[in-house]
């Protein structure tokens, strides 16, 4: 089967422009050797057109040489113009089939399909573009065949194919097992339909608004960095009005002290801007979010400008994480994400996938327990000497920062506000207390749970049968206080900023007991599932 004809158009234009741009590189290098010959406009234009035509021809050839096929056991992709690449992706290895549709895609009726496997560090196969109806069909067919293959069902189509393969093998080595893979695949798809989807959760308008106002997106920082030059005059004018300085811009930083005050004001303005942009980005990403269940998979759809749909295989879930920042907790909301073995849907841009982005806290816990029936949340905190450790750590940070500003004051004349960081000492005791208060661990019958974070609190739920290893760590400072960290490691994808479920600064003896207990329950759960 071929991609949508629009793929040939976009691929050809893209490759044509990339190839044509080499005309400027070649002529720029060639002028050094032959300035008279390569300096004419006609030669440059001719080379540009020639390379553009070559690139377009290559793009068209790539389109005609790209094929994908649904066979009874695998999804096959053949590509390449000069060097051919043939890939067979077994259905049982497919982790997810993501479908992406931007506004332009929806206007012209196409979509992008990305097929991910559990072991891959990136996308295993990308179909760019296919018709929207074809994208839905492929997503549905692959999910259904993955389910039937994973269940080990043997259909009449399989038997017929196997019988024909045996006969063909006896007939001669030139014959193949799958003489007509597409016909066999069609027979396989008619043996049973995928279970109907059951809706589990829909993000309401009020919940979407709360989610937008209480979330943070890294993309908003990039917007601030690249968008600041556009609004620089507006920002400077605002600073001038707030400080009462109507003279030229240089007056805003006329003295070091004034520069520091203006800098603090700029940080506050940047924080408000990032929050506003983040709210808009979150609203666009999670507009129309729905979560359902289809067979053994969770299926989701979300997005306003760019529509995403995909699935979360429940049999691959390693860890559940309840997330609630300080604003969510104050309003009684929470959300939870899941991490799967080797791949988290959407991890290329967002990390672990939100199963429930935001809902009433009790409803969130109820939906999370449908995936993993964990016990009531009752946490054991770290000993009080851990709180003293945090206070000492924060105090040292403030003193180091004060020393740096004092050194800056000595080097820069007119800078008298070196003592400003000392005001942070007032926040040290409550900060240390809140950090200690919101850490803890819980040992359940079937799960190990840890909690951490005040501003962004996370509660990680790890089933014992998902454990890969248990790690106990002690730094030189922890040994003096008889403390230790205990980490429950699972087979989740390695993502930037992601940490495994860790109980921080617990009693060293308790860490040793938990280390042995987790290992024993891991072995018991494995034997119980055999």
Protein backbone atom coordinates (compact mmCIF):
# COMPACT_ATOMS: atom_id res chain seq x y z
CA UNK A 1 0.00 0.00 0.00
CA UNK A 2 1.12 3.53 -0.81
CA UNK A 3 1.16 6.74 1.16
CA UNK A 4 -1.25 9.56 0.36
CA UNK A 5 -0.36 11.43 -2.87
CA UNK A 6 0.14 14.58 -0.80
CA UNK A 7 3.17 12.83 0.66
CA UNK A 8 4.76 12.79 -2.80
CA UNK A 9 4.13 16.52 -3.18
CA UNK A 10 5.54 17.53 0.21
CA UNK A 11 8.49 15.11 0.05
CA UNK A 12 9.40 16.26 -3.45
CA UNK A 13 9.25 19.97 -2.61
CA UNK A 14 11.18 19.48 0.62
CA UNK A 15 13.95 17.43 -1.00
CA UNK A 16 14.00 19.75 -4.00
CA UNK A 17 14.54 22.85 -1.87
CA UNK A 18 17.21 21.12 0.25
CA UNK A 19 19.06 20.01 -2.88
CA UNK A 20 18.68 23.41 -4.56
CA UNK A 21 20.16 25.17 -1.53
CA UNK A 22 23.38 23.32 -2.26
CA UNK A 23 23.74 25.50 -5.38
CA UNK A 24 24.70 28.47 -3.22
CA UNK A 25 27.17 26.37 -1.23
CA UNK A 26 28.80 24.97 -4.37
CA UNK A 27 29.04 28.32 -6.12
CA UNK A 28 30.39 29.97 -2.98
CA UNK A 29 33.17 27.39 -2.77
CA UNK A 30 33.74 27.42 -6.53
CA UNK A 31 34.29 31.17 -6.72
CA UNK A 32 37.57 30.71 -4.93
CA UNK A 33 38.89 28.45 -7.74
CA UNK A 34 37.19 30.09 -10.76
CA UNK A 35 35.78 33.54 -9.88
CA UNK A 36 35.09 34.52 -13.49
CA UNK A 37 33.35 31.28 -14.45
CA UNK A 38 31.24 30.84 -11.35
CA UNK A 39 30.36 34.49 -10.78
CA UNK A 40 27.58 34.73 -13.38
CA UNK A 41 23.98 34.81 -12.27
CA UNK A 42 22.91 32.52 -15.09
CA UNK A 43 25.17 29.69 -13.95
CA UNK A 44 23.97 29.96 -10.36
CA UNK A 45 20.32 29.99 -11.44
CA UNK A 46 20.87 27.04 -13.77
CA UNK A 47 22.56 25.02 -11.04
CA UNK A 48 19.75 25.92 -8.64
CA UNK A 49 17.09 24.67 -11.09
CA UNK A 50 19.05 21.51 -11.90
CA UNK A 51 19.49 20.53 -8.26
CA UNK A 52 15.85 21.36 -7.52
CA UNK A 53 14.72 19.03 -10.29
CA UNK A 54 17.04 16.28 -9.02
CA UNK A 55 15.65 16.66 -5.49
CA UNK A 56 12.06 16.59 -6.73
CA UNK A 57 12.76 13.49 -8.81
CA UNK A 58 14.28 11.77 -5.78
CA UNK A 59 11.24 12.67 -3.66
CA UNK A 60 8.87 11.24 -6.27
CA UNK A 61 10.98 8.08 -6.55
CA UNK A 62 10.97 7.72 -2.75
CA UNK A 63 7.18 7.94 -2.73
CA UNK A 64 6.78 5.22 -5.36
CA UNK A 65 9.37 3.02 -3.66
CA UNK A 66 7.71 3.29 -0.21
CA UNK A 67 5.28 0.49 0.63
CA UNK A 68 3.59 -0.70 3.81
CA UNK A 69 1.72 -3.96 4.26
CA UNK A 70 -0.42 -5.58 6.93
CA UNK A 71 0.46 -9.28 7.09
CA UNK A 72 -1.03 -11.85 9.48
CA UNK A 73 1.88 -11.53 11.91
CA UNK A 74 3.76 -8.33 11.11
CA UNK A 75 3.48 -4.78 9.86
CA UNK A 76 5.97 -4.48 7.01
CA UNK A 77 7.54 -1.30 5.67
CA UNK A 78 9.79 -1.21 2.58
CA UNK A 79 11.54 2.05 1.73
CA UNK A 80 14.58 3.51 0.02
CA UNK A 81 15.47 4.53 -3.54
CA UNK A 82 19.03 3.29 -4.02
CA UNK A 83 19.54 1.45 -0.73
CA UNK A 84 16.44 -0.54 0.20
CA UNK A 85 15.34 -1.03 3.81
CA UNK A 86 12.85 -3.74 4.71
CA UNK A 87 11.34 -3.80 8.20
CA UNK A 88 9.04 -6.38 9.73
CA UNK A 89 7.44 -5.22 12.97
CA UNK A 90 5.64 -8.04 14.85
CA UNK A 91 2.24 -6.96 16.17
CA UNK A 92 3.01 -8.35 19.61
CA UNK A 93 6.03 -6.00 19.86
CA UNK A 94 4.11 -2.86 18.96
CA UNK A 95 3.65 -0.65 21.98
CA UNK A 96 1.56 2.13 20.50
CA UNK A 97 0.16 3.53 17.26
CA UNK A 98 0.00 7.33 17.48
CA UNK A 99 -2.05 9.38 15.02
CA UNK A 100 -1.32 13.11 14.71
CA UNK A 101 -3.48 15.61 12.83
CA UNK A 102 -2.74 19.33 12.70
CA UNK A 103 -5.27 21.87 11.48
CA UNK A 104 -3.79 21.73 7.99
CA UNK A 105 -3.88 17.94 8.06
CA UNK A 106 -7.58 17.98 8.94
CA UNK A 107 -8.33 20.47 6.16
CA UNK A 108 -6.77 18.25 3.48
CA UNK A 109 -7.86 15.00 5.15
CA UNK A 110 -4.50 13.39 6.01
CA UNK A 111 -2.70 12.26 9.17
CA UNK A 112 0.71 11.09 10.39
CA UNK A 113 1.07 7.62 11.91
CA UNK A 114 3.94 6.74 14.22
CA UNK A 115 4.46 3.13 15.30
CA UNK A 116 6.44 2.56 18.47
CA UNK A 117 7.87 -0.63 19.92
CA UNK A 118 8.82 -1.34 23.52
CA UNK A 119 12.54 -1.67 22.87
CA UNK A 120 13.02 1.19 20.47
CA UNK A 121 14.60 4.47 21.52
CA UNK A 122 12.68 6.25 18.77
CA UNK A 123 9.84 5.78 16.32
CA UNK A 124 10.03 2.41 14.62
CA UNK A 125 8.02 3.44 11.55
CA UNK A 126 6.46 6.71 10.39
CA UNK A 127 3.82 7.03 7.68
CA UNK A 128 3.82 10.65 6.55
CA UNK A 129 1.07 11.05 5.22
CA UNK A 130 -1.90 8.68 4.91
CA UNK A 131 -5.58 9.52 4.44
CA UNK A 132 -7.43 10.22 7.70
CA UNK A 133 -9.75 7.24 7.17
CA UNK A 134 -6.78 5.02 6.40
CA UNK A 135 -5.03 6.22 9.58
CA UNK A 136 -8.05 5.25 11.67
CA UNK A 137 -8.27 1.89 9.92
CA UNK A 138 -4.58 1.11 10.43
CA UNK A 139 -4.72 2.13 14.09
CA UNK A 140 -7.78 -0.06 14.65
CA UNK A 141 -6.41 -3.03 12.68
CA UNK A 142 -3.00 -3.01 14.37
CA UNK A 143 -4.58 -2.80 17.83
CA UNK A 144 -6.91 -5.68 17.04
CA UNK A 145 -4.21 -7.92 15.59
CA UNK A 146 -1.86 -7.06 18.42
CA UNK A 147 -4.54 -8.16 20.90
CA UNK A 148 -5.29 -11.39 19.06
CA UNK A 149 -1.60 -12.19 18.58
CA UNK A 150 -0.86 -11.46 22.23
CA UNK A 151 -3.68 -13.74 23.33
CA UNK A 152 -2.14 -16.57 21.32
CA UNK A 153 -5.33 -17.16 19.30
CA UNK A 154 -5.07 -19.38 16.26
CA UNK A 155 -7.60 -18.41 13.65
CA UNK A 156 -8.75 -20.17 10.55
CA UNK A 157 -6.68 -17.71 8.53
CA UNK A 158 -3.58 -18.71 10.47
CA UNK A 159 -4.31 -22.39 9.91
CA UNK A 160 -4.93 -21.83 6.23
CA UNK A 161 -1.76 -19.80 5.87
CA UNK A 162 0.25 -22.40 7.79
CA UNK A 163 -1.14 -25.23 5.70
CA UNK A 164 -0.42 -23.36 2.49
CA UNK A 165 3.08 -22.48 3.73
CA UNK A 166 3.80 -26.18 4.39
CA UNK A 167 2.60 -27.13 0.93
CA UNK A 168 4.60 -24.35 -0.67
CA UNK A 169 7.73 -25.36 1.20
CA UNK A 170 7.35 -28.87 -0.12
CA UNK A 171 6.85 -27.57 -3.64
CA UNK A 172 10.20 -25.85 -3.81
CA UNK A 173 12.52 -23.37 -2.12
CA UNK A 174 11.49 -20.58 -4.45
CA UNK A 175 8.01 -20.51 -2.89
CA UNK A 176 7.36 -18.45 0.27
CA UNK A 177 5.19 -19.03 3.28
CA UNK A 178 2.98 -15.98 2.69
CA UNK A 179 2.15 -16.09 -1.01
CA UNK A 180 -0.46 -13.32 -0.63
CA UNK A 181 0.10 -11.51 2.68
CA UNK A 182 -2.52 -8.82 2.12
CA UNK A 183 -5.24 -11.38 1.36
CA UNK A 184 -4.25 -13.40 4.42
CA UNK A 185 -4.27 -10.26 6.53
CA UNK A 186 -7.75 -9.36 5.33
CA UNK A 187 -8.99 -12.82 6.28
CA UNK A 188 -7.37 -12.41 9.70
CA UNK A 189 -9.10 -9.06 10.28
CA UNK A 190 -12.51 -10.62 9.52
CA UNK A 191 -12.12 -13.28 12.20
CA UNK A 192 -13.15 -10.88 14.95
CA UNK A 193 -13.51 -7.20 15.65
CA UNK A 194 -11.76 -5.16 18.31
CA UNK A 195 -13.81 -4.72 21.45
CA UNK A 196 -15.89 -1.52 21.50
CA UNK A 197 -14.34 1.39 23.34
CA UNK A 198 -15.66 2.21 26.81
CA UNK A 199 -15.29 5.83 27.91
CA UNK A 200 -13.62 6.16 31.31
CA UNK A 201 -13.04 9.90 31.56
CA UNK A 202 -13.75 13.15 29.75
CA UNK A 203 -12.05 16.39 30.70
CA UNK A 204 -14.77 18.96 31.35
CA UNK A 205 -14.56 22.67 30.58
CA UNK A 206 -14.07 23.66 34.24
CA UNK A 207 -11.38 21.01 34.73
CA UNK A 208 -9.63 22.12 31.52
CA UNK A 209 -9.56 25.70 32.77
CA UNK A 210 -8.15 24.66 36.16
CA UNK A 211 -5.57 22.47 34.42
CA UNK A 212 -4.49 25.34 32.17
CA UNK A 213 -4.16 27.77 35.08
CA UNK A 214 -2.24 25.36 37.33
CA UNK A 215 0.16 23.73 34.85
CA UNK A 216 3.63 24.54 33.60
CA UNK A 217 4.95 23.80 30.12
CA UNK A 218 8.64 23.97 29.21
CA UNK A 219 7.69 25.32 25.78
CA UNK A 220 6.66 28.57 27.45
CA UNK A 221 10.28 29.27 28.41
CA UNK A 222 11.38 28.93 24.79
CA UNK A 223 8.61 31.34 23.81
CA UNK A 224 9.90 33.83 26.37
CA UNK A 225 13.49 33.61 25.10
CA UNK A 226 12.66 33.96 21.41
CA UNK A 227 9.68 36.28 21.82
CA UNK A 228 11.29 38.84 24.13
CA UNK A 229 12.96 40.86 21.32
CA UNK A 230 9.51 41.36 19.80
CA UNK A 231 8.04 42.90 22.96
CA UNK A 232 11.24 44.46 24.29
CA UNK A 233 10.06 48.06 23.84
CA UNK A 234 6.78 47.27 25.60
CA UNK A 235 8.60 45.68 28.54
CA UNK A 236 11.07 48.54 28.90
CA UNK A 237 8.21 51.06 28.80
CA UNK A 238 6.39 49.12 31.53
CA UNK A 239 9.52 49.09 33.70
CA UNK A 240 9.95 52.83 33.20
CA UNK A 241 6.38 53.54 34.34
CA UNK A 242 6.66 51.23 37.38
CA UNK A 243 9.97 52.77 38.50
CA UNK A 244 8.95 56.35 37.68
CA UNK A 245 11.88 56.79 35.29
CA UNK A 246 10.81 58.42 32.05
CA UNK A 247 14.34 59.12 30.78
CA UNK A 248 16.13 56.95 28.17
CA UNK A 249 16.47 53.19 28.62
CA UNK A 250 20.03 53.48 29.90
CA UNK A 251 18.70 55.17 33.03
CA UNK A 252 17.02 51.94 34.09
CA UNK A 253 20.45 50.45 34.76
CA UNK A 254 22.24 53.67 35.63
CA UNK A 255 23.51 52.29 38.96
CA UNK A 256 24.22 48.69 40.06
CA UNK A 257 21.55 48.87 42.77
CA UNK A 258 18.93 50.07 40.30
CA UNK A 259 19.99 47.34 37.88
CA UNK A 260 19.39 44.71 40.59
CA UNK A 261 15.94 46.08 41.38
CA UNK A 262 15.04 46.20 37.71
CA UNK A 263 16.34 42.65 37.35
CA UNK A 264 14.04 41.44 40.15
CA UNK A 265 11.14 43.18 38.47
CA UNK A 266 12.09 41.52 35.19
CA UNK A 267 12.07 38.10 36.86
CA UNK A 268 8.57 38.75 38.20
CA UNK A 269 7.39 39.88 34.77
CA UNK A 270 8.96 36.80 33.16
CA UNK A 271 7.24 34.50 35.66
CA UNK A 272 3.83 35.99 34.86
CA UNK A 273 4.53 35.73 31.13
CA UNK A 274 5.64 32.11 31.38
CA UNK A 275 2.53 31.27 33.40
CA UNK A 276 0.25 32.92 30.83
CA UNK A 277 1.91 31.22 27.85
CA UNK A 278 1.94 27.89 29.69
CA UNK A 279 -1.79 28.19 30.34
CA UNK A 280 -2.49 28.71 26.64
CA UNK A 281 -0.24 25.81 25.60
CA UNK A 282 -1.86 23.46 28.13
CA UNK A 283 -5.34 24.50 27.02
CA UNK A 284 -4.49 23.75 23.38
CA UNK A 285 -2.85 20.42 24.20
CA UNK A 286 -5.60 18.98 26.41
CA UNK A 287 -8.69 20.43 24.77
CA UNK A 288 -11.25 17.67 24.24
CA UNK A 289 -9.26 15.09 26.24
CA UNK A 290 -11.02 11.74 26.50
CA UNK A 291 -9.78 8.46 27.94
CA UNK A 292 -11.36 5.12 27.19
CA UNK A 293 -10.67 1.42 27.43
CA UNK A 294 -10.54 -0.90 24.45
CA UNK A 295 -9.61 -4.44 25.27
CA UNK A 296 -6.45 -4.34 27.40
CA UNK A 297 -5.44 -0.85 26.23
CA UNK A 298 -6.28 2.63 27.38
CA UNK A 299 -7.05 4.85 24.39
CA UNK A 300 -6.97 8.63 24.40
CA UNK A 301 -7.59 11.65 22.20
CA UNK A 302 -6.64 15.25 22.88
CA UNK A 303 -5.68 18.54 21.28
CA UNK A 304 -7.29 21.55 19.60
CA UNK A 305 -4.87 22.84 16.96
CA UNK A 306 -3.05 19.51 16.73
CA UNK A 307 -5.10 16.41 17.43
CA UNK A 308 -3.42 13.37 18.97
CA UNK A 309 -4.79 9.88 19.46
CA UNK A 310 -3.01 6.83 20.79
CA UNK A 311 -3.11 4.04 23.32
CA UNK A 312 -1.48 3.01 26.58
CA UNK A 313 -0.98 -0.78 26.91
CA UNK A 314 -2.04 -1.65 30.44
CA UNK A 315 0.02 -4.84 30.48
CA UNK A 316 3.17 -2.72 30.01
CA UNK A 317 2.45 -0.22 32.80
CA UNK A 318 5.35 -0.14 35.26
CA UNK A 319 4.58 2.81 37.52
CA UNK A 320 1.61 5.06 38.30
CA UNK A 321 2.30 8.60 39.47
CA UNK A 322 -0.25 10.81 41.19
CA UNK A 323 0.65 14.45 40.48
CA UNK A 324 -0.71 17.46 42.34
CA UNK A 325 1.04 20.81 42.53
CA UNK A 326 0.34 23.24 45.34
CA UNK A 327 -2.51 24.97 43.46
CA UNK A 328 -4.16 21.66 42.57
CA UNK A 329 -4.00 20.52 46.20
CA UNK A 330 -5.58 23.76 47.37
CA UNK A 331 -8.46 23.30 44.92
CA UNK A 332 -8.88 19.57 45.61
CA UNK A 333 -7.65 18.33 42.23
CA UNK A 334 -5.01 15.84 41.11
CA UNK A 335 -3.94 13.98 38.00
CA UNK A 336 -2.03 10.81 37.30
CA UNK A 337 0.41 9.64 34.66
CA UNK A 338 1.65 6.20 33.70
CA UNK A 339 5.06 4.96 32.64
CA UNK A 340 5.37 1.88 30.48
CA UNK A 341 8.22 -0.48 29.71
CA UNK A 342 10.65 1.05 27.25
CA UNK A 343 8.29 3.68 25.88
CA UNK A 344 5.91 6.29 27.24
CA UNK A 345 3.45 7.61 24.69
CA UNK A 346 4.35 11.18 23.82
CA UNK A 347 7.69 10.94 25.60
CA UNK A 348 9.43 12.80 22.82
CA UNK A 349 7.81 16.03 23.94
CA UNK A 350 6.09 15.50 27.24
CA UNK A 351 7.47 12.51 28.93
CA UNK A 352 5.16 9.98 30.67
CA UNK A 353 1.63 10.12 29.29
CA UNK A 354 -1.18 11.71 31.29
CA UNK A 355 -3.81 9.05 31.83
CA UNK A 356 -5.89 11.63 33.73
CA UNK A 357 -4.51 15.18 33.34
CA UNK A 358 -6.75 16.60 36.08
CA UNK A 359 -9.85 15.58 38.02
CA UNK A 360 -11.28 15.67 41.51
CA UNK A 361 -8.71 14.03 43.77
CA UNK A 362 -11.00 11.21 44.89
CA UNK A 363 -12.03 10.47 41.32
CA UNK A 364 -8.38 10.47 40.24
CA UNK A 365 -7.49 7.94 42.94
CA UNK A 366 -10.51 5.82 42.01
CA UNK A 367 -9.51 5.72 38.32
CA UNK A 368 -5.89 4.98 39.25
CA UNK A 369 -7.03 2.04 41.40
CA UNK A 370 -8.84 0.57 38.39
CA UNK A 371 -5.38 0.07 36.87
CA UNK A 372 -3.56 -0.87 40.07
CA UNK A 373 -5.66 -1.62 43.20
CA UNK A 374 -3.27 -0.06 45.71
CA UNK A 375 -4.08 0.42 49.39
CA UNK A 376 -5.13 3.60 51.16
CA UNK A 377 -2.41 6.24 51.20
CA UNK A 378 -0.79 6.23 54.64
CA UNK A 379 2.83 7.40 54.61
CA UNK A 380 5.68 7.06 57.06
CA UNK A 381 7.77 10.23 57.20
CA UNK A 382 11.51 10.50 57.46
CA UNK A 383 12.95 11.05 60.97
CA UNK A 384 13.06 14.63 62.23
CA UNK A 385 16.84 14.83 61.90
CA UNK A 386 16.31 14.72 58.12
CA UNK A 387 14.51 18.06 58.46
CA UNK A 388 17.57 19.47 60.20
CA UNK A 389 19.67 18.22 57.29
CA UNK A 390 17.49 20.16 54.83
CA UNK A 391 17.71 23.32 56.94
CA UNK A 392 21.52 23.13 57.00
CA UNK A 393 21.60 22.56 53.24
CA UNK A 394 19.38 25.57 52.49
CA UNK A 395 21.33 27.77 54.90
CA UNK A 396 24.58 26.92 53.15
CA UNK A 397 23.04 27.81 49.78
CA UNK A 398 21.96 31.22 51.09
CA UNK A 399 25.40 31.89 52.61
CA UNK A 400 27.18 30.93 49.39
CA UNK A 401 24.88 33.22 47.40
CA UNK A 402 25.55 36.04 49.89
CA UNK A 403 29.29 35.52 49.57
CA UNK A 404 29.00 35.80 45.79
CA UNK A 405 27.05 39.06 45.98
CA UNK A 406 29.53 40.40 48.55
CA UNK A 407 32.37 39.63 46.16
CA UNK A 408 30.46 41.33 43.37
CA UNK A 409 29.94 44.37 45.59
CA UNK A 410 33.68 44.59 46.21
CA UNK A 411 34.40 44.38 42.48
CA UNK A 412 31.68 46.79 41.29
CA UNK A 413 31.60 50.26 42.77
CA UNK A 414 28.18 51.58 43.69
CA UNK A 415 26.67 48.13 44.39
CA UNK A 416 25.50 48.29 48.01
CA UNK A 417 22.74 45.67 48.06
CA UNK A 418 25.01 42.65 48.56
CA UNK A 419 23.08 41.66 51.69
CA UNK A 420 19.78 41.02 49.88
CA UNK A 421 20.22 37.19 49.77
CA UNK A 422 20.33 37.13 53.58
CA UNK A 423 16.58 37.84 53.55
CA UNK A 424 16.14 34.27 52.30
CA UNK A 425 17.24 32.96 55.71
CA UNK A 426 13.73 33.73 56.96
CA UNK A 427 12.36 31.14 54.51
CA UNK A 428 14.83 28.38 55.49
CA UNK A 429 12.91 26.87 58.46
CA UNK A 430 9.50 26.66 56.69
CA UNK A 431 11.15 25.39 53.50
CA UNK A 432 12.96 22.61 55.39
CA UNK A 433 9.77 21.70 57.27
CA UNK A 434 7.62 21.53 54.13
CA UNK A 435 10.21 19.41 52.32
CA UNK A 436 10.31 16.98 55.26
CA UNK A 437 6.54 16.97 55.72
CA UNK A 438 5.76 16.02 52.11
CA UNK A 439 8.21 13.11 51.90
CA UNK A 440 7.39 9.58 52.95
CA UNK A 441 6.86 5.97 51.97
CA UNK A 442 4.13 3.36 52.28
CA UNK A 443 4.49 -0.42 52.21
CA UNK A 444 1.37 -2.14 50.89
CA UNK A 445 0.53 -5.77 50.36
CA UNK A 446 1.10 -5.57 46.60
CA UNK A 447 2.64 -2.13 46.04
CA UNK A 448 5.45 0.10 47.26
CA UNK A 449 4.54 3.80 47.35
CA UNK A 450 6.68 6.90 47.83
CA UNK A 451 5.75 10.58 48.08
CA UNK A 452 7.91 13.64 47.47
CA UNK A 453 7.60 17.35 46.72
CA UNK A 454 5.78 20.39 48.07
CA UNK A 455 5.39 22.64 45.03
CA UNK A 456 4.87 19.64 42.73
CA UNK A 457 3.98 16.64 44.85
CA UNK A 458 4.29 13.20 43.26
CA UNK A 459 3.09 9.91 44.67
CA UNK A 460 4.61 6.98 42.81
CA UNK A 461 2.96 3.56 42.97
CA UNK A 462 5.16 0.59 42.05
CA UNK A 463 3.71 -2.96 41.94
CA UNK A 464 6.10 -5.51 43.39
CA UNK A 465 5.88 -7.70 40.29
CA UNK A 466 7.18 -4.75 38.20
CA UNK A 467 10.35 -4.28 40.23
CA UNK A 468 13.62 -4.76 38.40
CA UNK A 469 15.93 -4.09 41.31
CA UNK A 470 16.01 -2.40 44.72
CA UNK A 471 18.82 0.05 45.48
CA UNK A 472 19.92 1.30 48.90
CA UNK A 473 22.25 4.34 48.94
CA UNK A 474 23.99 6.31 51.71
CA UNK A 475 26.18 9.38 51.29
CA UNK A 476 28.90 10.32 53.74
CA UNK A 477 26.57 12.91 55.28
CA UNK A 478 23.70 10.43 55.57
CA UNK A 479 25.91 7.90 57.36
CA UNK A 480 26.62 10.47 60.06
CA UNK A 481 22.86 10.85 60.62
CA UNK A 482 22.08 7.15 60.16
CA UNK A 483 19.91 7.87 57.09
CA UNK A 484 19.60 6.27 53.66
CA UNK A 485 17.75 6.43 50.33
CA UNK A 486 15.83 3.43 49.00
CA UNK A 487 14.96 3.25 45.28
CA UNK A 488 12.50 0.85 43.66
CA UNK A 489 13.69 0.60 40.05
CA UNK A 490 11.40 -0.50 37.21
CA UNK A 491 11.77 -0.97 33.45
CA UNK A 492 10.50 2.48 32.53
CA UNK A 493 12.02 4.61 29.81
CA UNK A 494 14.96 6.80 30.74
CA UNK A 495 13.71 10.36 30.45
CA UNK A 496 15.26 13.72 31.20
CA UNK A 497 14.29 14.78 34.71
CA UNK A 498 12.60 11.47 35.57
CA UNK A 499 13.54 9.80 38.85
CA UNK A 500 12.66 6.31 40.00
CA UNK A 501 10.44 5.77 43.02
CA UNK A 502 12.75 6.73 45.89
CA UNK A 503 12.14 6.98 49.62
CA UNK A 504 14.47 9.78 50.72
CA UNK A 505 16.35 10.08 54.01
CA UNK A 506 14.66 7.27 55.88
CA UNK A 507 16.10 5.42 58.86
CA UNK A 508 19.07 3.30 57.78
CA UNK A 509 17.69 0.25 59.60
CA UNK A 510 14.28 0.77 57.98
CA UNK A 511 15.96 1.08 54.56
CA UNK A 512 17.68 -2.26 55.09
CA UNK A 513 14.41 -3.90 56.16
CA UNK A 514 12.57 -2.42 53.18
CA UNK A 515 15.37 -3.54 50.88
CA UNK A 516 14.92 -7.15 51.99
CA UNK A 517 11.12 -6.91 52.09
CA UNK A 518 10.85 -5.54 48.55
CA UNK A 519 13.09 -8.28 47.22
CA UNK A 520 11.07 -10.97 49.02
CA UNK A 521 7.74 -9.62 47.74
CA UNK A 522 9.15 -9.29 44.24
CA UNK A 523 10.07 -12.97 44.26
CA UNK A 524 6.74 -13.92 45.82
CA UNK A 525 4.78 -11.99 43.19
CA UNK A 526 6.82 -13.53 40.39
CA UNK A 527 6.22 -17.06 41.69
CA UNK A 528 2.54 -16.25 42.15
CA UNK A 529 2.23 -15.20 38.49
CA UNK A 530 3.98 -18.24 37.07
